[in-house]
Amino acid sequence: MRAKKRTLYAVKSVLSIIMLIGLLLATGVGAAQDSLAEAASALADSAVDYTVSERDVSFSNAGQSVIGTLAMPDGEGPFPVALLLHGFTGTRHELPVLGTEDTMFSRAARWLGERGVASLRIDFRGSGESEGAWEDTTFSSQIADAIAALDYLETLEGVDSGNISIVGLSQGGLVGAAAAGRDDRVSSLVLWSAVSNPVMSYGILLGYDNLLAGAGSGDEAMTIMLPWGAETALKGPFFDDIFLVDPVAEITGYRGPLLVINGARDDTVTPQPQAGQVFLDYHEGAEALVLLDGDHVFDVLAGDVTEVIDAALAYSLAWLQGGR
């Protein structure tokens, strides 16, 4: 295993970033870390450059419609674009940021768009408004949707098809890692609380006994109670992919810039920082790990707490703009 690369620690807000700790085999690491932290801090205080317009769009994959929301800066393009991938049981609007009128991804789309980065957030097939049944979803089907979204982005006017990034949350991070590893059109990758060990994370969410019962169970849906009290129904292929799709193996195929952002209090993708560091250990290229003082979803459900999600956004945009 290669030596650990570099790790960035940040707490509470971009303006209160503490000492960064890094391990890297190259020279000039401290300067690189300082550059990213400084760029993120500057972005947190920056004035917006654009207004943003949104419209719903659709494209087809495997004969089913995938619905998305395209957010474009109001100005002359072409603009770099980020594909936003939601998490397990989520939608393209993701979770509400309590105390605001935003969701995680609507806030991200506006934040990026105001600073010159377009975005497309999609509902995976079986989720949100896209066609398909949720119980038929798998990691593999979502990876295929992400790659189909890259195809769609290449057709759009005003989008720089040579500058397409992925920002993936939780399961969307797993999907993003796989899509980036398989498709060289991904120019930059940002993983938020990305699942790195599916057996462990879904064992926590679904129960290890259910993982074993579901694997190889075929087309019969299994109903499971989730930790937050909701029920979900999933078929055998979903459980099969938990054992067959390895996001860390997938990341070895990606050579572009990689930023991993995790919450130190994440009890789903755990332990931290190891669950984030493993992506860097198996990736070659420019990379960084930022550990924030937040939970799995950056405290958006805590109420009137936006420092953590805004820090994640600032670091993400700094990375996409080359502040490394």
Protein backbone atom coordinates (compact mmCIF):
# COMPACT_ATOMS: atom_id res chain seq x y z
CA MET A 1 0.00 0.00 0.00
CA ARG A 2 1.35 3.44 -0.84
CA ALA A 3 2.16 5.83 1.97
CA LYS A 4 -0.61 8.12 3.07
CA LYS A 5 -0.80 11.25 1.00
CA ARG A 6 -2.15 14.39 2.59
CA THR A 7 -4.89 15.16 5.05
CA LEU A 8 -6.54 18.48 5.70
CA TYR A 9 -8.38 19.18 8.92
CA ALA A 10 -10.91 22.00 9.20
CA VAL A 11 -13.43 22.83 11.93
CA LYS A 12 -16.67 24.75 12.22
CA SER A 13 -16.21 27.24 9.36
CA VAL A 14 -13.81 28.19 6.65
CA LEU A 15 -12.80 31.21 8.71
CA SER A 16 -11.79 29.02 11.69
CA ILE A 17 -9.68 26.48 9.82
CA ILE A 18 -7.13 25.02 12.19
CA MET A 19 -3.72 23.54 11.65
CA LEU A 20 -3.55 21.25 8.64
CA ILE A 21 -1.85 17.90 8.99
CA GLY A 22 -0.44 16.13 5.95
CA LEU A 23 1.62 13.15 4.94
CA LEU A 24 2.85 13.16 1.34
CA LEU A 25 5.75 11.68 -0.53
CA ALA A 26 6.24 14.82 -2.64
CA THR A 27 7.88 18.13 -1.72
CA GLY A 28 6.09 21.42 -1.09
CA VAL A 29 3.14 19.80 0.66
CA GLY A 30 2.68 22.53 3.27
CA ALA A 31 2.48 25.19 0.58
CA ALA A 32 -0.08 23.15 -1.36
CA GLN A 33 -2.23 22.65 1.73
CA ASP A 34 -2.01 26.31 2.65
CA SER A 35 -2.99 27.23 -0.90
CA LEU A 36 -6.21 25.20 -0.76
CA ALA A 37 -7.13 26.45 2.71
CA GLU A 38 -6.46 30.04 1.74
CA ALA A 39 -8.47 29.70 -1.46
CA ALA A 40 -11.41 28.21 0.46
CA SER A 41 -11.29 30.98 3.05
CA ALA A 42 -11.22 33.63 0.33
CA LEU A 43 -14.21 32.07 -1.41
CA ALA A 44 -16.20 32.05 1.82
CA ASP A 45 -15.95 35.85 1.86
CA SER A 46 -16.15 36.44 -1.88
CA ALA A 47 -18.80 38.48 -3.64
CA VAL A 48 -20.92 36.64 -6.19
CA ASP A 49 -20.14 37.10 -9.86
CA TYR A 50 -23.32 35.76 -11.48
CA THR A 51 -27.00 35.26 -10.99
CA VAL A 52 -28.14 31.69 -11.58
CA SER A 53 -31.03 30.29 -13.63
CA GLU A 54 -32.38 26.77 -13.15
CA ARG A 55 -34.48 24.54 -15.37
CA ASP A 56 -35.53 20.92 -15.21
CA VAL A 57 -34.16 18.66 -17.95
CA SER A 58 -34.37 15.02 -18.90
CA PHE A 59 -32.37 12.42 -20.79
CA SER A 60 -32.75 8.71 -21.33
CA ASN A 61 -30.82 5.74 -20.02
CA ALA A 62 -31.75 2.10 -20.62
CA GLY A 63 -35.11 3.23 -22.03
CA GLN A 64 -36.07 5.21 -18.92
CA SER A 65 -36.14 8.97 -18.33
CA VAL A 66 -33.68 10.51 -15.90
CA ILE A 67 -34.83 13.87 -14.56
CA GLY A 68 -32.37 16.55 -13.52
CA THR A 69 -32.09 20.23 -12.68
CA LEU A 70 -29.58 22.27 -14.65
CA ALA A 71 -28.25 25.41 -12.94
CA MET A 72 -26.47 27.85 -15.25
CA PRO A 73 -24.70 31.13 -14.45
CA ASP A 74 -26.31 34.01 -16.33
CA GLY A 75 -23.42 35.08 -18.51
CA GLU A 76 -21.31 34.14 -21.47
CA GLY A 77 -20.02 30.61 -21.38
CA PRO A 78 -18.85 28.07 -21.80
CA PHE A 79 -18.82 27.33 -18.08
CA PRO A 80 -17.24 24.41 -16.24
CA VAL A 81 -19.92 22.10 -14.92
CA ALA A 82 -20.32 19.83 -11.89
CA LEU A 83 -22.52 16.73 -11.84
CA LEU A 84 -24.10 16.41 -8.37
CA LEU A 85 -24.95 12.86 -7.28
CA HIS A 86 -27.30 12.24 -4.34
CA GLY A 87 -27.09 9.63 -1.63
CA PHE A 88 -28.98 6.50 -0.58
CA THR A 89 -32.80 7.06 -0.65
CA GLY A 90 -32.15 10.69 -1.62
CA THR A 91 -33.19 12.84 -4.58
CA ARG A 92 -31.57 15.54 -6.68
CA HIS A 93 -32.64 18.11 -4.10
CA GLU A 94 -31.16 16.07 -1.27
CA LEU A 95 -31.72 16.96 2.38
CA PRO A 96 -33.12 20.25 3.69
CA VAL A 97 -30.68 22.66 5.26
CA LEU A 98 -32.75 23.38 8.37
CA GLY A 99 -33.15 27.04 9.19
CA THR A 100 -32.92 28.00 5.50
CA GLU A 101 -35.03 27.56 2.38
CA ASP A 102 -32.26 25.49 0.78
CA THR A 103 -31.55 21.84 0.32
CA MET A 104 -27.97 20.62 0.27
CA PHE A 105 -27.88 20.46 -3.51
CA SER A 106 -29.92 23.57 -4.27
CA ARG A 107 -27.52 25.48 -1.99
CA ALA A 108 -24.57 23.86 -3.75
CA ALA A 109 -25.97 24.66 -7.21
CA ARG A 110 -26.56 28.31 -6.33
CA TRP A 111 -23.21 28.65 -4.55
CA LEU A 112 -21.30 27.18 -7.47
CA GLY A 113 -23.32 29.00 -10.11
CA GLU A 114 -22.83 32.40 -8.50
CA ARG A 115 -19.10 31.81 -8.86
CA GLY A 116 -19.10 30.61 -12.45
CA VAL A 117 -19.62 26.83 -12.23
CA ALA A 118 -22.73 25.32 -13.80
CA SER A 119 -24.23 22.18 -12.29
CA LEU A 120 -26.55 19.31 -13.09
CA ARG A 121 -28.17 17.42 -10.24
CA ILE A 122 -30.07 14.28 -11.17
CA ASP A 123 -32.51 11.81 -9.70
CA PHE A 124 -31.13 8.33 -10.24
CA ARG A 125 -33.62 5.99 -11.90
CA GLY A 126 -36.06 4.79 -9.26
CA SER A 127 -35.53 7.95 -7.20
CA GLY A 128 -37.33 11.28 -7.15
CA GLU A 129 -39.03 12.09 -10.44
CA SER A 130 -37.01 9.78 -12.65
CA GLU A 131 -38.60 6.68 -14.13
CA GLY A 132 -38.09 3.26 -12.65
CA ALA A 133 -38.86 1.59 -9.34
CA TRP A 134 -36.73 2.28 -6.27
CA GLU A 135 -36.61 -1.40 -5.36
CA ASP A 136 -34.77 -2.05 -8.66
CA THR A 137 -31.95 0.39 -7.91
CA THR A 138 -28.36 -0.85 -7.66
CA PHE A 139 -24.94 0.74 -7.50
CA SER A 140 -24.45 -0.44 -11.08
CA SER A 141 -27.62 1.22 -12.36
CA GLN A 142 -26.65 4.48 -10.68
CA ILE A 143 -23.14 4.37 -12.14
CA ALA A 144 -24.74 3.91 -15.56
CA ASP A 145 -26.98 6.93 -14.89
CA ALA A 146 -23.97 9.04 -13.95
CA ILE A 147 -22.17 8.11 -17.17
CA ALA A 148 -25.34 8.84 -19.18
CA ALA A 149 -25.41 12.26 -17.49
CA LEU A 150 -21.86 12.88 -18.73
CA ASP A 151 -23.10 12.04 -22.25
CA TYR A 152 -25.94 14.53 -21.81
CA LEU A 153 -23.68 17.30 -20.51
CA GLU A 154 -21.50 17.00 -23.59
CA THR A 155 -24.49 18.01 -25.75
CA LEU A 156 -25.30 21.26 -23.92
CA GLU A 157 -24.52 24.72 -25.20
CA GLY A 158 -22.85 26.96 -22.69
CA VAL A 159 -21.12 24.04 -20.94
CA ASP A 160 -17.40 23.37 -21.26
CA SER A 161 -17.42 19.68 -22.18
CA GLY A 162 -13.71 19.50 -21.41
CA ASN A 163 -14.25 20.60 -17.80
CA ILE A 164 -16.81 18.26 -16.24
CA SER A 165 -16.49 17.44 -12.55
CA ILE A 166 -18.43 15.17 -10.21
CA VAL A 167 -19.49 15.99 -6.66
CA GLY A 168 -20.98 12.91 -4.98
CA LEU A 169 -22.57 12.62 -1.54
CA SER A 170 -22.45 9.35 0.44
CA GLN A 171 -23.67 6.61 -1.95
CA GLY A 172 -23.41 9.26 -4.66
CA GLY A 173 -19.73 9.48 -3.75
CA LEU A 174 -19.35 5.74 -4.27
CA VAL A 175 -21.08 6.16 -7.64
CA GLY A 176 -18.92 9.17 -8.48
CA ALA A 177 -15.71 7.29 -7.68
CA ALA A 178 -16.77 4.46 -9.98
CA ALA A 179 -17.89 6.77 -12.80
CA ALA A 180 -14.62 8.72 -12.62
CA GLY A 181 -12.62 5.50 -12.61
CA ARG A 182 -14.43 4.24 -15.69
CA ASP A 183 -14.83 7.43 -17.75
CA ASP A 184 -11.93 9.75 -18.53
CA ARG A 185 -14.24 12.68 -19.26
CA VAL A 186 -14.31 13.43 -15.52
CA SER A 187 -11.80 16.23 -15.08
CA SER A 188 -12.08 16.60 -11.27
CA LEU A 189 -13.74 14.63 -8.49
CA VAL A 190 -15.05 15.75 -5.09
CA LEU A 191 -16.37 13.12 -2.67
CA TRP A 192 -18.57 14.19 0.26
CA SER A 193 -18.91 11.52 2.98
CA ALA A 194 -18.39 8.94 0.26
CA VAL A 195 -18.97 5.26 1.05
CA SER A 196 -15.58 3.56 0.84
CA ASN A 197 -16.44 0.24 2.52
CA PRO A 198 -19.97 -0.73 1.38
CA VAL A 199 -20.24 -3.82 3.59
CA MET A 200 -19.51 -1.80 6.71
CA SER A 201 -21.64 1.26 5.87
CA TYR A 202 -24.66 -0.70 4.65
CA GLY A 203 -24.25 -3.16 7.49
CA ILE A 204 -24.73 -0.18 9.81
CA LEU A 205 -27.70 1.13 7.80
CA LEU A 206 -29.47 -2.10 6.88
CA GLY A 207 -28.14 -4.67 9.34
CA TYR A 208 -25.48 -7.25 8.55
CA ASP A 209 -27.98 -10.10 8.73
CA ASN A 210 -30.06 -8.35 6.07
CA LEU A 211 -27.02 -7.97 3.82
CA LEU A 212 -26.42 -11.70 3.97
CA ALA A 213 -30.10 -12.54 3.48
CA GLY A 214 -30.42 -10.12 0.57
CA ALA A 215 -27.32 -11.20 -1.33
CA GLY A 216 -28.34 -13.62 -4.02
CA SER A 217 -32.03 -13.39 -3.10
CA GLY A 218 -32.97 -12.56 -6.67
CA ASP A 219 -36.01 -10.55 -7.72
CA GLU A 220 -37.88 -10.67 -4.43
CA ALA A 221 -37.82 -7.32 -2.61
CA MET A 222 -36.82 -7.28 1.04
CA THR A 223 -38.38 -4.63 3.30
CA ILE A 224 -36.05 -3.14 5.89
CA MET A 225 -36.53 -0.53 8.60
CA LEU A 226 -33.92 2.21 8.39
CA PRO A 227 -32.31 3.77 11.50
CA TRP A 228 -34.35 6.98 11.08
CA GLY A 229 -37.66 5.10 11.12
CA ALA A 230 -38.45 4.90 7.40
CA GLU A 231 -38.91 1.64 5.52
CA THR A 232 -37.18 0.72 2.29
CA ALA A 233 -37.60 -2.24 -0.06
CA LEU A 234 -34.67 -3.52 -2.11
CA LYS A 235 -34.08 -6.53 -4.34
CA GLY A 236 -31.22 -8.99 -4.45
CA PRO A 237 -29.10 -7.16 -7.06
CA PHE A 238 -28.72 -4.18 -4.71
CA PHE A 239 -27.31 -6.44 -2.01
CA ASP A 240 -25.13 -8.24 -4.56
CA ASP A 241 -23.52 -4.93 -5.54
CA ILE A 242 -22.66 -4.19 -1.92
CA PHE A 243 -20.23 -7.11 -2.14
CA LEU A 244 -19.27 -6.75 -5.81
CA VAL A 245 -18.73 -3.01 -6.38
CA ASP A 246 -15.66 -1.66 -4.59
CA PRO A 247 -15.30 2.15 -4.77
CA VAL A 248 -11.67 1.99 -3.61
CA ALA A 249 -10.82 -0.41 -6.44
CA GLU A 250 -12.71 1.87 -8.83
CA ILE A 251 -10.71 4.95 -7.80
CA THR A 252 -7.50 3.30 -8.99
CA GLY A 253 -8.69 3.92 -12.55
CA TYR A 254 -8.99 7.68 -12.01
CA ARG A 255 -5.92 9.88 -12.43
CA GLY A 256 -7.47 13.33 -12.13
CA PRO A 257 -7.59 15.63 -9.09
CA LEU A 258 -9.40 14.10 -6.09
CA LEU A 259 -10.76 15.93 -3.04
CA VAL A 260 -12.36 13.92 -0.24
CA ILE A 261 -14.39 15.80 2.40
CA ASN A 262 -15.67 13.99 5.48
CA GLY A 263 -17.25 14.80 8.82
CA ALA A 264 -15.28 13.80 11.90
CA ARG A 265 -18.56 12.82 13.61
CA ASP A 266 -19.79 10.64 10.74
CA ASP A 267 -21.15 7.39 12.22
CA THR A 268 -22.20 5.88 8.87
CA VAL A 269 -19.01 6.19 6.84
CA THR A 270 -16.68 5.36 9.69
CA PRO A 271 -14.10 5.38 11.20
CA GLN A 272 -12.76 8.78 10.24
CA PRO A 273 -10.36 9.84 8.87
CA GLN A 274 -9.49 6.30 7.75
CA ALA A 275 -12.70 5.85 5.72
CA GLY A 276 -11.77 8.92 3.69
CA GLN A 277 -8.01 8.39 3.64
CA VAL A 278 -8.36 5.02 1.91
CA PHE A 279 -9.46 6.73 -1.31
CA LEU A 280 -6.21 8.72 -1.35
CA ASP A 281 -4.12 5.66 -0.59
CA TYR A 282 -5.33 3.97 -3.79
CA HIS A 283 -5.45 7.05 -6.04
CA GLU A 284 -2.60 8.50 -8.09
CA GLY A 285 -2.58 12.22 -8.75
CA ALA A 286 -3.35 15.52 -7.06
CA GLU A 287 -5.41 14.82 -3.95
CA ALA A 288 -6.43 16.05 -0.51
CA LEU A 289 -8.58 14.97 2.43
CA VAL A 290 -10.50 17.59 4.43
CA LEU A 291 -11.97 16.55 7.76
CA LEU A 292 -14.68 18.90 9.05
CA ASP A 293 -16.25 19.01 12.50
CA GLY A 294 -19.56 17.69 11.19
CA ASP A 295 -21.72 14.61 10.83
CA HIS A 296 -22.42 12.46 7.77
CA VAL A 297 -24.47 15.22 6.10
CA PHE A 298 -22.41 18.16 7.39
CA ASP A 299 -24.92 19.06 10.13
CA VAL A 300 -27.62 20.30 7.72
CA LEU A 301 -30.31 18.62 9.86
CA ALA A 302 -29.05 20.19 13.08
CA GLY A 303 -30.98 23.42 12.49
CA ASP A 304 -29.52 26.90 11.97
CA VAL A 305 -26.06 25.42 11.42
CA THR A 306 -24.64 26.18 7.98
CA GLU A 307 -20.94 26.55 8.79
CA VAL A 308 -20.06 22.96 7.96
CA ILE A 309 -21.92 22.69 4.64
CA ASP A 310 -20.60 26.12 3.63
CA ALA A 311 -17.05 25.04 4.48
CA ALA A 312 -17.54 21.94 2.32
CA LEU A 313 -18.77 24.14 -0.52
CA ALA A 314 -15.87 26.56 -0.20
CA TYR A 315 -13.30 23.77 -0.22
CA SER A 316 -15.06 22.08 -3.14
CA LEU A 317 -15.12 25.18 -5.31
CA ALA A 318 -11.53 26.04 -4.42
CA TRP A 319 -10.55 22.55 -5.56
CA LEU A 320 -12.55 22.79 -8.79
CA GLN A 321 -10.90 26.12 -9.53
CA GLY A 322 -7.45 24.63 -9.09
CA GLY A 323 -6.63 26.02 -5.64
CA ARG A 324 -4.33 23.15 -4.74
